[in-house]
Amino acid sequence: MDGFTILVAFIIFIGLLLYTIRVVTTREPPVSPGPTDLEGDVPSPPIGAASSSAHENDDKRFLFDAFLSFRGQDIRNRFVSHLYKDLKRSNVSAFMDNNDLGKGEPIENLLKHVRESRILLPIFSKSYADSIWCLKEVTEMVEVMKTDQSVDIVPIFFDIEPDDVRCWYRHSQGRFRSASADEKKKWRKALRKVTSIHGFSLKNSANG
């Protein structure tokens, strides 16, 4: 368990490092003033200035490096808490609702934190698709990924196969009577999309 969580934390850390390198290397140095600049006209903006500003604003938009989406106390104690601590030790700022959602803060803010995170980690377990909030989170992840190429989704399958996640949801749809048909369709499409992404598979052990 510890070796796996350290590996995941290391991979995420390397991914963030590579992202930072890409941002830095795309920023070009300012150019020297041209002839018109020396004559008192308004200087032309340096090439790459707009893209640099965009990158800086993009960095400011992310409050967290990673967002952990999961369901169940058992998986929290056995895996998620270990992963969270390993990410912290690797200087990766991770959001986990148990630790980072303030008391009295609306649960809707979870979706806001999804949009404020650079790497999205849906941790699928046997009870994940039983949670409306988990389904909303994974749907929000897909929406974010459509519009922001700097965001990555890294699914983790905890003691469950990708096909089983989709099958489990089909069997549990009857529980969501308050949800509209459109919502259920979005959840189903989001699960299909995310579970098709290559991620990590972890089998639970007897000793946890």
Protein backbone atom coordinates (compact mmCIF):
# COMPACT_ATOMS: atom_id res chain seq x y z
CA MET A 1 0.00 0.00 0.00
CA ASP A 2 2.68 2.52 1.02
CA GLY A 3 4.78 1.73 -2.04
CA PHE A 4 1.82 2.27 -4.35
CA THR A 5 0.78 5.59 -2.83
CA ILE A 6 4.36 6.84 -2.94
CA LEU A 7 4.52 5.84 -6.62
CA VAL A 8 1.31 7.71 -7.44
CA ALA A 9 2.50 10.77 -5.51
CA PHE A 10 5.82 10.67 -7.34
CA ILE A 11 4.16 10.43 -10.75
CA ILE A 12 1.89 13.36 -9.94
CA PHE A 13 4.86 15.37 -8.68
CA ILE A 14 6.79 14.68 -11.90
CA GLY A 15 3.74 15.66 -13.96
CA LEU A 16 3.50 18.99 -12.16
CA LEU A 17 7.23 19.55 -12.62
CA LEU A 18 6.98 18.91 -16.36
CA TYR A 19 3.98 21.26 -16.58
CA THR A 20 6.03 24.01 -14.88
CA ILE A 21 8.92 23.42 -17.27
CA ARG A 22 6.57 23.73 -20.26
CA VAL A 23 5.22 27.02 -18.92
CA VAL A 24 8.69 28.47 -18.35
CA THR A 25 10.08 27.41 -21.72
CA THR A 26 7.16 28.94 -23.62
CA ARG A 27 7.89 32.37 -22.18
CA GLU A 28 10.13 34.37 -24.52
CA PRO A 29 12.44 37.17 -23.30
CA PRO A 30 11.48 40.79 -24.01
CA VAL A 31 12.75 42.20 -27.31
CA SER A 32 14.89 45.32 -27.59
CA PRO A 33 13.09 48.55 -28.52
CA GLY A 34 12.61 48.93 -32.26
CA PRO A 35 13.18 52.09 -34.30
CA THR A 36 9.68 53.38 -33.71
CA ASP A 37 10.12 52.89 -29.97
CA LEU A 38 13.19 55.16 -29.96
CA GLU A 39 11.21 57.93 -31.67
CA GLY A 40 8.86 58.26 -28.72
CA ASP A 41 6.00 56.13 -29.94
CA VAL A 42 4.33 53.66 -27.61
CA PRO A 43 6.62 50.60 -27.39
CA SER A 44 5.32 47.43 -28.96
CA PRO A 45 4.63 44.66 -26.44
CA PRO A 46 7.35 41.99 -26.39
CA ILE A 47 6.62 38.82 -28.31
CA GLY A 48 5.17 36.22 -25.96
CA ALA A 49 4.02 38.76 -23.37
CA ALA A 50 0.36 37.91 -23.84
CA SER A 51 1.00 34.18 -23.57
CA SER A 52 3.15 34.69 -20.47
CA SER A 53 0.36 36.65 -18.82
CA ALA A 54 -2.09 33.91 -19.73
CA HIS A 55 0.13 31.28 -18.13
CA GLU A 56 0.51 33.37 -14.98
CA ASN A 57 -3.25 33.81 -14.73
CA ASP A 58 -3.68 30.08 -15.35
CA ASP A 59 -1.32 29.28 -12.46
CA LYS A 60 -3.21 31.62 -10.15
CA ARG A 61 -6.48 29.92 -11.06
CA PHE A 62 -5.34 26.61 -9.56
CA LEU A 63 -5.63 26.58 -5.77
CA PHE A 64 -4.78 22.87 -5.58
CA ASP A 65 -2.44 20.59 -7.47
CA ALA A 66 -4.74 17.59 -7.01
CA PHE A 67 -8.39 16.89 -6.15
CA LEU A 68 -9.27 13.54 -4.55
CA SER A 69 -12.77 12.26 -5.31
CA PHE A 70 -13.81 9.11 -3.45
CA ARG A 71 -16.61 7.44 -1.52
CA GLY A 72 -16.59 5.44 1.71
CA GLN A 73 -14.92 5.46 5.10
CA ASP A 74 -13.20 2.15 4.42
CA ILE A 75 -11.34 3.40 1.37
CA ARG A 76 -10.56 6.64 3.20
CA ASN A 77 -8.81 4.81 6.01
CA ARG A 78 -7.14 2.14 3.89
CA PHE A 79 -5.91 4.14 0.92
CA VAL A 80 -6.97 7.77 0.54
CA SER A 81 -5.49 9.01 3.81
CA HIS A 82 -2.14 7.39 2.90
CA LEU A 83 -2.20 8.93 -0.56
CA TYR A 84 -3.14 12.33 0.86
CA LYS A 85 -0.22 12.27 3.30
CA ASP A 86 2.23 11.12 0.63
CA LEU A 87 1.12 13.92 -1.67
CA LYS A 88 1.65 16.44 1.13
CA ARG A 89 5.11 15.04 1.81
CA SER A 90 5.88 15.50 -1.90
CA ASN A 91 4.84 19.18 -1.63
CA VAL A 92 1.74 18.52 -3.73
CA SER A 93 -1.25 20.52 -2.49
CA ALA A 94 -4.19 18.12 -2.53
CA PHE A 95 -7.86 18.71 -1.74
CA MET A 96 -9.72 16.07 0.25
CA ASP A 97 -13.18 17.01 1.49
CA ASN A 98 -12.66 15.53 4.97
CA ASN A 99 -9.62 17.73 5.62
CA ASP A 100 -10.12 20.76 3.42
CA LEU A 101 -13.86 21.48 3.25
CA GLY A 102 -14.54 24.07 5.91
CA LYS A 103 -17.31 23.59 8.44
CA GLY A 104 -20.48 25.26 7.26
CA GLU A 105 -19.15 25.44 3.70
CA PRO A 106 -21.82 24.41 1.16
CA ILE A 107 -21.27 21.00 -0.37
CA GLU A 108 -21.68 22.67 -3.79
CA ASN A 109 -18.23 24.17 -3.28
CA LEU A 110 -16.78 20.75 -3.99
CA LEU A 111 -17.50 21.36 -7.67
CA LYS A 112 -15.77 24.72 -7.44
CA HIS A 113 -12.70 23.02 -5.99
CA VAL A 114 -12.73 20.58 -8.90
CA ARG A 115 -12.34 23.54 -11.26
CA GLU A 116 -9.55 24.94 -9.08
CA SER A 117 -7.40 21.78 -9.23
CA ARG A 118 -4.83 20.90 -11.87
CA ILE A 119 -4.87 17.09 -11.53
CA LEU A 120 -8.17 15.31 -10.86
CA LEU A 121 -8.08 11.94 -9.14
CA PRO A 122 -11.37 10.02 -9.14
CA ILE A 123 -10.77 7.01 -6.88
CA PHE A 124 -13.31 4.43 -8.00
CA SER A 125 -14.48 1.83 -5.51
CA LYS A 126 -17.53 -0.44 -5.25
CA SER A 127 -19.57 2.32 -3.61
CA TYR A 128 -18.39 5.26 -5.74
CA ALA A 129 -21.33 5.19 -8.17
CA ASP A 130 -23.76 5.04 -5.23
CA SER A 131 -22.98 8.67 -4.40
CA ILE A 132 -24.73 11.49 -6.24
CA TRP A 133 -21.95 13.86 -5.21
CA CYS A 134 -19.25 11.57 -6.58
CA LEU A 135 -21.20 11.35 -9.84
CA LYS A 136 -21.47 15.14 -9.95
CA GLU A 137 -17.75 15.49 -9.25
CA VAL A 138 -16.70 13.12 -12.02
CA THR A 139 -19.12 14.85 -14.42
CA GLU A 140 -17.57 18.20 -13.52
CA MET A 141 -14.12 16.73 -14.18
CA VAL A 142 -15.13 15.82 -17.71
CA GLU A 143 -16.55 19.29 -18.33
CA VAL A 144 -13.34 20.90 -17.08
CA MET A 145 -11.16 18.66 -19.23
CA LYS A 146 -13.16 19.64 -22.33
CA THR A 147 -12.29 23.32 -21.94
CA ASP A 148 -8.87 23.22 -20.25
CA GLN A 149 -6.08 21.13 -21.77
CA SER A 150 -3.79 21.84 -18.81
CA VAL A 151 -6.01 19.70 -16.57
CA ASP A 152 -5.42 15.96 -16.33
CA ILE A 153 -7.71 13.22 -15.04
CA VAL A 154 -5.92 10.24 -13.49
CA PRO A 155 -8.44 7.54 -12.48
CA ILE A 156 -7.57 5.08 -9.73
CA PHE A 157 -9.50 1.81 -9.51
CA PHE A 158 -9.53 0.51 -5.94
CA ASP A 159 -10.47 -3.17 -5.89
CA ILE A 160 -12.74 -2.74 -8.92
CA GLU A 161 -12.40 -2.93 -12.71
CA PRO A 162 -13.43 -0.09 -15.07
CA ASP A 163 -16.24 -2.18 -16.58
CA ASP A 164 -17.52 -2.95 -13.09
CA VAL A 165 -17.87 0.78 -12.33
CA ARG A 166 -20.18 1.23 -15.31
CA CYS A 167 -22.11 -1.94 -14.47
CA TRP A 168 -22.46 -0.91 -10.82
CA TYR A 169 -23.94 2.42 -11.84
CA ARG A 170 -26.52 0.76 -14.09
CA HIS A 171 -27.70 -1.34 -11.15
CA SER A 172 -27.90 1.63 -8.76
CA GLN A 173 -29.75 4.11 -11.00
CA GLY A 174 -33.05 3.29 -9.32
CA ARG A 175 -31.82 4.93 -6.12
CA PHE A 176 -31.58 8.34 -7.74
CA ARG A 177 -35.28 9.09 -8.04
CA SER A 178 -34.73 12.81 -7.42
CA ALA A 179 -32.36 13.11 -10.40
CA SER A 180 -33.65 14.00 -13.84
CA ALA A 181 -33.15 11.82 -16.90
CA ASP A 182 -30.70 14.40 -18.29
CA GLU A 183 -28.61 14.27 -15.11
CA LYS A 184 -28.46 10.49 -15.20
CA LYS A 185 -27.42 10.60 -18.85
CA LYS A 186 -24.58 13.03 -18.03
CA TRP A 187 -23.40 10.84 -15.16
CA ARG A 188 -23.41 7.75 -17.35
CA LYS A 189 -21.44 9.49 -20.12
CA ALA A 190 -18.95 10.90 -17.61
CA LEU A 191 -18.34 7.48 -16.05
CA ARG A 192 -17.88 5.95 -19.49
CA LYS A 193 -15.41 8.69 -20.46
CA VAL A 194 -13.30 8.65 -17.29
CA THR A 195 -13.20 4.88 -16.87
CA SER A 196 -11.82 4.64 -20.42
CA ILE A 197 -8.79 6.74 -19.42
CA HIS A 198 -5.68 4.73 -18.59
CA GLY A 199 -5.08 4.97 -14.85
CA PHE A 200 -3.97 2.90 -11.87
CA SER A 201 -5.47 -0.35 -10.60
CA LEU A 202 -5.09 -1.32 -6.95
CA LYS A 203 -6.23 -4.58 -5.41
CA ASN A 204 -7.11 -4.47 -1.73
CA SER A 205 -5.04 -6.69 0.53
CA ALA A 206 -6.13 -8.52 3.64
CA ASN A 207 -3.83 -6.51 5.87
CA GLY A 208 -4.91 -3.13 4.31
